[in-house]
Amino acid sequence: MLYYLGSVLYVLVCLVLMLVILLQQGKGGDIASAFGGGGSQAAFGARSGATVLSRATTVLAVLFVLGALVLNILAQRGPGSVVGGRAPQPANPVSTLPVPQAAPPAQQQSAPAQSAPAQQAPAAPKPQQ
């Protein structure tokens, strides 16, 4: 149950993070800055103060990474599978399928086999010493 709740919250964090990133304004990435014509000497344009959207991006990015780690840990312990609680099967399982019965002797077409009398093998002679 906790895993599913975490998954739902993680998806919501992902969606809000995408929305916040798309709402932000670009930082002077126009064509003039590509050829050295920027408003400042900084590598990525002029530095502005942190806005609400940039702070929200930072918080949501941290929640994204922590959520991924927590979901991974919960998935390892996990809710288990449907067959996870079953006892292991024996190495030579006994078939539970019905075994077909042989036809009664009266219905068999072939003649019954005669059994030969049991003969004992002759004893081997003892070796002389």
N, C-alpha and C. Protein backbone atom coordinates (compact mmCIF):
# COMPACT_ATOMS: atom_id res chain seq x y z
N MET A 1 0.83 -1.19 0.00
CA MET A 1 0.00 0.00 0.00
C MET A 1 0.88 1.25 0.00
N LEU A 2 1.94 1.21 0.81
CA LEU A 2 2.84 2.35 0.88
C LEU A 2 3.56 2.58 -0.45
N TYR A 3 3.88 1.50 -1.12
CA TYR A 3 4.56 1.60 -2.42
C TYR A 3 3.65 2.30 -3.44
N TYR A 4 2.38 1.95 -3.46
CA TYR A 4 1.46 2.55 -4.43
C TYR A 4 1.21 4.02 -4.12
N LEU A 5 1.13 4.36 -2.85
CA LEU A 5 0.97 5.76 -2.47
C LEU A 5 2.21 6.56 -2.89
N GLY A 6 3.39 6.00 -2.66
CA GLY A 6 4.62 6.66 -3.08
C GLY A 6 4.70 6.81 -4.59
N SER A 7 4.21 5.82 -5.31
CA SER A 7 4.23 5.90 -6.78
C SER A 7 3.34 7.03 -7.28
N VAL A 8 2.17 7.16 -6.68
CA VAL A 8 1.25 8.23 -7.09
C VAL A 8 1.86 9.59 -6.79
N LEU A 9 2.45 9.75 -5.59
CA LEU A 9 3.08 11.03 -5.25
C LEU A 9 4.26 11.32 -6.16
N TYR A 10 5.00 10.30 -6.53
CA TYR A 10 6.16 10.48 -7.41
C TYR A 10 5.72 10.95 -8.80
N VAL A 11 4.65 10.40 -9.30
CA VAL A 11 4.14 10.83 -10.61
C VAL A 11 3.66 12.28 -10.54
N LEU A 12 3.02 12.66 -9.43
CA LEU A 12 2.58 14.04 -9.28
C LEU A 12 3.77 15.00 -9.23
N VAL A 13 4.83 14.62 -8.50
CA VAL A 13 6.04 15.45 -8.44
C VAL A 13 6.63 15.60 -9.84
N CYS A 14 6.65 14.53 -10.60
CA CYS A 14 7.20 14.59 -11.97
C CYS A 14 6.39 15.54 -12.85
N LEU A 15 5.08 15.45 -12.76
CA LEU A 15 4.23 16.32 -13.59
C LEU A 15 4.39 17.79 -13.20
N VAL A 16 4.43 18.08 -11.91
CA VAL A 16 4.58 19.47 -11.46
C VAL A 16 5.97 19.99 -11.84
N LEU A 17 7.00 19.13 -11.74
CA LEU A 17 8.35 19.55 -12.12
C LEU A 17 8.40 19.92 -13.61
N MET A 18 7.77 19.12 -14.45
CA MET A 18 7.73 19.45 -15.88
C MET A 18 7.01 20.78 -16.12
N LEU A 19 5.91 20.98 -15.42
CA LEU A 19 5.15 22.22 -15.59
C LEU A 19 5.97 23.43 -15.16
N VAL A 20 6.66 23.33 -14.02
CA VAL A 20 7.45 24.46 -13.51
C VAL A 20 8.62 24.76 -14.45
N ILE A 21 9.24 23.72 -14.98
CA ILE A 21 10.36 23.95 -15.91
C ILE A 21 9.86 24.63 -17.19
N LEU A 22 8.72 24.21 -17.68
CA LEU A 22 8.21 24.81 -18.92
C LEU A 22 7.70 26.24 -18.72
N LEU A 23 7.34 26.60 -17.51
CA LEU A 23 6.85 27.96 -17.25
C LEU A 23 7.98 28.98 -17.13
N GLN A 24 9.20 28.53 -16.91
CA GLN A 24 10.30 29.45 -16.70
C GLN A 24 10.71 30.13 -17.99
N GLN A 25 11.21 31.36 -17.82
CA GLN A 25 11.68 32.12 -18.97
C GLN A 25 13.13 31.75 -19.23
N GLY A 26 13.52 31.74 -20.50
CA GLY A 26 14.90 31.44 -20.86
C GLY A 26 15.85 32.50 -20.33
N LYS A 27 17.12 32.11 -20.11
CA LYS A 27 18.11 33.04 -19.56
C LYS A 27 18.98 33.61 -20.67
N GLY A 28 18.42 34.40 -21.53
CA GLY A 28 19.20 35.10 -22.55
C GLY A 28 19.85 34.17 -23.55
N GLY A 29 19.19 33.14 -23.95
CA GLY A 29 19.75 32.20 -24.89
C GLY A 29 19.41 32.55 -26.34
N ASP A 30 19.28 33.82 -26.66
CA ASP A 30 18.92 34.19 -28.02
C ASP A 30 20.16 34.16 -28.93
N ILE A 31 20.00 34.54 -30.17
CA ILE A 31 21.05 34.42 -31.17
C ILE A 31 22.20 35.40 -30.90
N ALA A 32 21.94 36.52 -30.27
CA ALA A 32 22.99 37.51 -30.01
C ALA A 32 24.01 36.97 -29.02
N SER A 33 23.55 36.21 -28.03
CA SER A 33 24.50 35.68 -27.04
C SER A 33 25.35 34.56 -27.62
N ALA A 34 24.92 33.96 -28.70
CA ALA A 34 25.71 32.90 -29.32
C ALA A 34 26.96 33.47 -29.99
N PHE A 35 26.91 34.75 -30.43
CA PHE A 35 28.05 35.36 -31.11
C PHE A 35 28.78 36.36 -30.22
N GLY A 36 28.62 36.24 -28.92
CA GLY A 36 29.36 37.09 -28.01
C GLY A 36 28.66 38.39 -27.65
N GLY A 37 27.49 38.62 -28.09
CA GLY A 37 26.81 39.86 -27.79
C GLY A 37 25.82 39.70 -26.66
N GLY A 38 26.30 39.49 -25.48
CA GLY A 38 25.41 39.35 -24.33
C GLY A 38 25.44 40.60 -23.49
N GLY A 39 24.57 40.71 -22.53
CA GLY A 39 24.50 41.88 -21.66
C GLY A 39 25.56 41.84 -20.57
N SER A 40 26.22 40.73 -20.36
CA SER A 40 27.21 40.66 -19.29
C SER A 40 28.33 39.71 -19.70
N GLN A 41 29.33 39.61 -18.85
CA GLN A 41 30.46 38.75 -19.12
C GLN A 41 30.27 37.33 -18.57
N ALA A 42 29.16 37.06 -17.93
CA ALA A 42 28.91 35.74 -17.36
C ALA A 42 28.69 34.72 -18.48
N ALA A 43 29.00 33.49 -18.20
CA ALA A 43 28.91 32.46 -19.23
C ALA A 43 27.47 32.19 -19.66
N PHE A 44 26.55 32.32 -18.74
CA PHE A 44 25.15 31.99 -19.06
C PHE A 44 24.24 33.21 -19.00
N GLY A 45 24.75 34.36 -19.28
CA GLY A 45 23.92 35.55 -19.28
C GLY A 45 23.95 36.24 -17.93
N ALA A 46 23.12 37.28 -17.80
CA ALA A 46 23.09 38.05 -16.57
C ALA A 46 22.49 37.23 -15.43
N ARG A 47 23.07 37.39 -14.26
CA ARG A 47 22.60 36.64 -13.09
C ARG A 47 21.45 37.43 -12.47
N SER A 48 20.33 36.78 -12.30
CA SER A 48 19.19 37.44 -11.68
C SER A 48 18.89 36.75 -10.35
N GLY A 49 18.09 37.39 -9.55
CA GLY A 49 17.72 36.81 -8.26
C GLY A 49 16.86 35.57 -8.47
N ALA A 50 16.85 34.71 -7.46
CA ALA A 50 16.08 33.47 -7.53
C ALA A 50 14.59 33.80 -7.46
N THR A 51 13.86 33.34 -8.44
CA THR A 51 12.43 33.57 -8.46
C THR A 51 11.72 32.40 -7.78
N VAL A 52 10.44 32.53 -7.68
CA VAL A 52 9.64 31.46 -7.08
C VAL A 52 9.73 30.19 -7.93
N LEU A 53 9.74 30.38 -9.24
CA LEU A 53 9.80 29.21 -10.12
C LEU A 53 11.15 28.50 -10.03
N SER A 54 12.24 29.25 -9.90
CA SER A 54 13.54 28.59 -9.80
C SER A 54 13.69 27.87 -8.46
N ARG A 55 13.15 28.43 -7.41
CA ARG A 55 13.18 27.74 -6.11
C ARG A 55 12.30 26.49 -6.13
N ALA A 56 11.15 26.61 -6.78
CA ALA A 56 10.27 25.44 -6.90
C ALA A 56 10.93 24.35 -7.73
N THR A 57 11.69 24.73 -8.75
CA THR A 57 12.41 23.75 -9.56
C THR A 57 13.44 23.01 -8.71
N THR A 58 14.15 23.75 -7.88
CA THR A 58 15.16 23.13 -7.02
C THR A 58 14.53 22.15 -6.04
N VAL A 59 13.44 22.57 -5.40
CA VAL A 59 12.78 21.70 -4.42
C VAL A 59 12.20 20.46 -5.10
N LEU A 60 11.57 20.65 -6.24
CA LEU A 60 10.98 19.52 -6.94
C LEU A 60 12.04 18.58 -7.51
N ALA A 61 13.20 19.11 -7.91
CA ALA A 61 14.28 18.25 -8.39
C ALA A 61 14.82 17.39 -7.26
N VAL A 62 14.94 17.96 -6.07
CA VAL A 62 15.39 17.18 -4.90
C VAL A 62 14.35 16.12 -4.57
N LEU A 63 13.07 16.46 -4.60
CA LEU A 63 12.01 15.48 -4.34
C LEU A 63 12.00 14.38 -5.40
N PHE A 64 12.33 14.74 -6.63
CA PHE A 64 12.38 13.75 -7.71
C PHE A 64 13.46 12.71 -7.44
N VAL A 65 14.64 13.17 -7.07
CA VAL A 65 15.75 12.24 -6.82
C VAL A 65 15.48 11.40 -5.57
N LEU A 66 15.02 12.04 -4.50
CA LEU A 66 14.72 11.28 -3.27
C LEU A 66 13.57 10.30 -3.49
N GLY A 67 12.58 10.70 -4.28
CA GLY A 67 11.47 9.80 -4.58
C GLY A 67 11.92 8.58 -5.36
N ALA A 68 12.84 8.78 -6.29
CA ALA A 68 13.37 7.64 -7.05
C ALA A 68 14.10 6.67 -6.13
N LEU A 69 14.88 7.19 -5.20
CA LEU A 69 15.60 6.32 -4.26
C LEU A 69 14.65 5.58 -3.33
N VAL A 70 13.66 6.29 -2.80
CA VAL A 70 12.70 5.66 -1.88
C VAL A 70 11.89 4.58 -2.59
N LEU A 71 11.44 4.86 -3.80
CA LEU A 71 10.67 3.86 -4.54
C LEU A 71 11.51 2.64 -4.88
N ASN A 72 12.79 2.84 -5.13
CA ASN A 72 13.66 1.72 -5.40
C ASN A 72 13.82 0.84 -4.16
N ILE A 73 13.98 1.47 -3.01
CA ILE A 73 14.11 0.71 -1.76
C ILE A 73 12.82 -0.02 -1.45
N LEU A 74 11.69 0.65 -1.63
CA LEU A 74 10.40 0.01 -1.38
C LEU A 74 10.13 -1.12 -2.37
N ALA A 75 10.62 -0.98 -3.59
CA ALA A 75 10.38 -2.03 -4.59
C ALA A 75 11.19 -3.28 -4.28
N GLN A 76 12.34 -3.11 -3.65
CA GLN A 76 13.15 -4.28 -3.30
C GLN A 76 12.47 -5.09 -2.20
N ARG A 77 11.93 -4.40 -1.21
CA ARG A 77 11.15 -5.12 -0.19
C ARG A 77 9.78 -5.43 -0.74
N GLY A 78 9.22 -4.43 -1.38
CA GLY A 78 8.02 -4.52 -2.19
C GLY A 78 6.78 -5.15 -1.58
N PRO A 79 5.69 -4.97 -2.28
CA PRO A 79 4.44 -5.58 -1.84
C PRO A 79 4.42 -7.07 -2.08
N GLY A 80 5.38 -7.60 -2.82
CA GLY A 80 5.41 -9.03 -3.11
C GLY A 80 4.52 -9.35 -4.29
N SER A 81 4.69 -10.53 -4.79
CA SER A 81 3.86 -10.94 -5.91
C SER A 81 2.72 -11.82 -5.42
N VAL A 82 1.85 -12.15 -6.30
CA VAL A 82 0.70 -12.97 -5.94
C VAL A 82 1.15 -14.36 -5.50
N VAL A 83 2.17 -14.89 -6.14
CA VAL A 83 2.64 -16.23 -5.81
C VAL A 83 3.83 -16.20 -4.86
N GLY A 84 4.17 -15.03 -4.33
CA GLY A 84 5.33 -14.91 -3.46
C GLY A 84 5.18 -15.66 -2.15
N GLY A 85 3.99 -15.81 -1.63
CA GLY A 85 3.80 -16.46 -0.35
C GLY A 85 3.61 -17.96 -0.43
N ARG A 86 3.62 -18.53 -1.61
CA ARG A 86 3.40 -19.97 -1.76
C ARG A 86 4.64 -20.73 -1.36
N ALA A 87 4.41 -21.93 -0.88
CA ALA A 87 5.52 -22.80 -0.50
C ALA A 87 6.24 -23.27 -1.76
N PRO A 88 7.55 -23.49 -1.66
CA PRO A 88 8.27 -23.96 -2.85
C PRO A 88 7.82 -25.35 -3.26
N GLN A 89 7.83 -25.59 -4.55
CA GLN A 89 7.40 -26.88 -5.08
C GLN A 89 8.51 -27.92 -4.88
N PRO A 90 8.14 -29.18 -4.64
CA PRO A 90 9.16 -30.21 -4.49
C PRO A 90 9.91 -30.44 -5.80
N ALA A 91 11.09 -31.08 -5.69
CA ALA A 91 11.92 -31.29 -6.88
C ALA A 91 11.22 -32.21 -7.89
N ASN A 92 10.57 -33.29 -7.43
CA ASN A 92 9.83 -34.20 -8.30
C ASN A 92 8.35 -34.09 -7.95
N PRO A 93 7.66 -33.13 -8.56
CA PRO A 93 6.27 -32.97 -8.19
C PRO A 93 5.42 -34.16 -8.64
N VAL A 94 4.49 -34.50 -7.80
CA VAL A 94 3.57 -35.58 -8.12
C VAL A 94 2.47 -35.00 -8.99
N SER A 95 2.19 -35.68 -10.07
CA SER A 95 1.18 -35.18 -10.98
C SER A 95 -0.20 -35.30 -10.34
N THR A 96 -0.96 -34.25 -10.46
CA THR A 96 -2.32 -34.29 -9.91
C THR A 96 -3.33 -34.61 -10.99
N LEU A 97 -2.84 -34.88 -12.20
CA LEU A 97 -3.75 -35.24 -13.28
C LEU A 97 -4.24 -36.66 -13.08
N PRO A 98 -5.47 -36.96 -13.46
CA PRO A 98 -5.97 -38.34 -13.30
C PRO A 98 -5.21 -39.29 -14.22
N VAL A 99 -4.87 -40.43 -13.69
CA VAL A 99 -4.14 -41.44 -14.45
C VAL A 99 -5.16 -42.30 -15.18
N PRO A 100 -5.01 -42.51 -16.50
CA PRO A 100 -5.99 -43.34 -17.21
C PRO A 100 -5.89 -44.79 -16.72
N GLN A 101 -7.04 -45.35 -16.52
CA GLN A 101 -7.12 -46.73 -16.02
C GLN A 101 -7.03 -47.70 -17.20
N ALA A 102 -6.37 -48.82 -16.95
CA ALA A 102 -6.29 -49.85 -17.99
C ALA A 102 -7.65 -50.52 -18.11
N ALA A 103 -7.92 -51.00 -19.30
CA ALA A 103 -9.20 -51.67 -19.54
C ALA A 103 -9.23 -52.99 -18.76
N PRO A 104 -10.39 -53.39 -18.30
CA PRO A 104 -10.49 -54.67 -17.59
C PRO A 104 -10.05 -55.83 -18.50
N PRO A 105 -9.56 -56.94 -17.93
CA PRO A 105 -9.06 -58.04 -18.76
C PRO A 105 -10.10 -58.62 -19.70
N ALA A 106 -11.36 -58.58 -19.36
CA ALA A 106 -12.40 -59.15 -20.22
C ALA A 106 -12.53 -58.35 -21.52
N GLN A 107 -12.21 -57.09 -21.51
CA GLN A 107 -12.38 -56.26 -22.69
C GLN A 107 -11.13 -56.18 -23.55
N GLN A 108 -10.03 -56.75 -23.12
CA GLN A 108 -8.80 -56.67 -23.90
C GLN A 108 -8.89 -57.62 -25.09
N GLN A 109 -8.33 -57.22 -26.21
CA GLN A 109 -8.38 -58.00 -27.43
C GLN A 109 -7.31 -59.09 -27.47
N SER A 110 -6.16 -58.82 -26.89
CA SER A 110 -5.07 -59.79 -26.99
C SER A 110 -5.22 -60.87 -25.93
N ALA A 111 -4.61 -62.03 -26.21
CA ALA A 111 -4.66 -63.14 -25.27
C ALA A 111 -3.75 -62.82 -24.10
N PRO A 112 -4.12 -63.28 -22.93
CA PRO A 112 -3.28 -62.98 -21.77
C PRO A 112 -1.94 -63.68 -21.91
N ALA A 113 -0.92 -63.01 -21.51
CA ALA A 113 0.44 -63.58 -21.60
C ALA A 113 0.62 -64.62 -20.51
N GLN A 114 1.25 -65.75 -20.91
CA GLN A 114 1.50 -66.79 -19.92
C GLN A 114 2.81 -66.48 -19.23
N SER A 115 2.78 -66.63 -17.96
CA SER A 115 4.00 -66.34 -17.22
C SER A 115 4.88 -67.57 -17.19
N ALA A 116 6.12 -67.39 -17.45
CA ALA A 116 7.08 -68.50 -17.43
C ALA A 116 7.45 -68.80 -15.99
N PRO A 117 7.68 -70.07 -15.68
CA PRO A 117 8.07 -70.37 -14.31
C PRO A 117 9.43 -69.74 -14.01
N ALA A 118 9.55 -69.30 -12.82
CA ALA A 118 10.79 -68.64 -12.41
C ALA A 118 11.89 -69.67 -12.28
N GLN A 119 12.99 -69.44 -12.93
CA GLN A 119 14.12 -70.34 -12.85
C GLN A 119 15.27 -69.61 -12.18
N GLN A 120 15.94 -70.34 -11.32
CA GLN A 120 17.09 -69.75 -10.68
C GLN A 120 18.32 -70.03 -11.52
N ALA A 121 19.18 -69.08 -11.57
CA ALA A 121 20.43 -69.25 -12.31
C ALA A 121 21.31 -70.22 -11.56
N PRO A 122 22.01 -71.11 -12.30
CA PRO A 122 22.88 -72.08 -11.61
C PRO A 122 23.98 -71.36 -10.85
N ALA A 123 24.33 -71.86 -9.75
CA ALA A 123 25.36 -71.26 -8.92
C ALA A 123 26.70 -71.40 -9.62
N ALA A 124 27.45 -70.36 -9.55
CA ALA A 124 28.76 -70.36 -10.19
C ALA A 124 29.70 -71.26 -9.39
N PRO A 125 30.55 -72.03 -10.06
CA PRO A 125 31.48 -72.90 -9.33
C PRO A 125 32.48 -72.08 -8.55
N LYS A 126 32.85 -72.58 -7.41
CA LYS A 126 33.80 -71.87 -6.57
C LYS A 126 35.18 -72.00 -7.19
N PRO A 127 35.92 -70.96 -7.22
CA PRO A 127 37.26 -71.05 -7.78
C PRO A 127 38.18 -71.85 -6.85
N GLN A 128 39.02 -72.65 -7.46
CA GLN A 128 39.92 -73.47 -6.66
C GLN A 128 41.14 -72.65 -6.29
N GLN A 129 41.62 -72.93 -5.11
CA GLN A 129 42.78 -72.17 -4.65
C GLN A 129 44.00 -73.00 -4.53
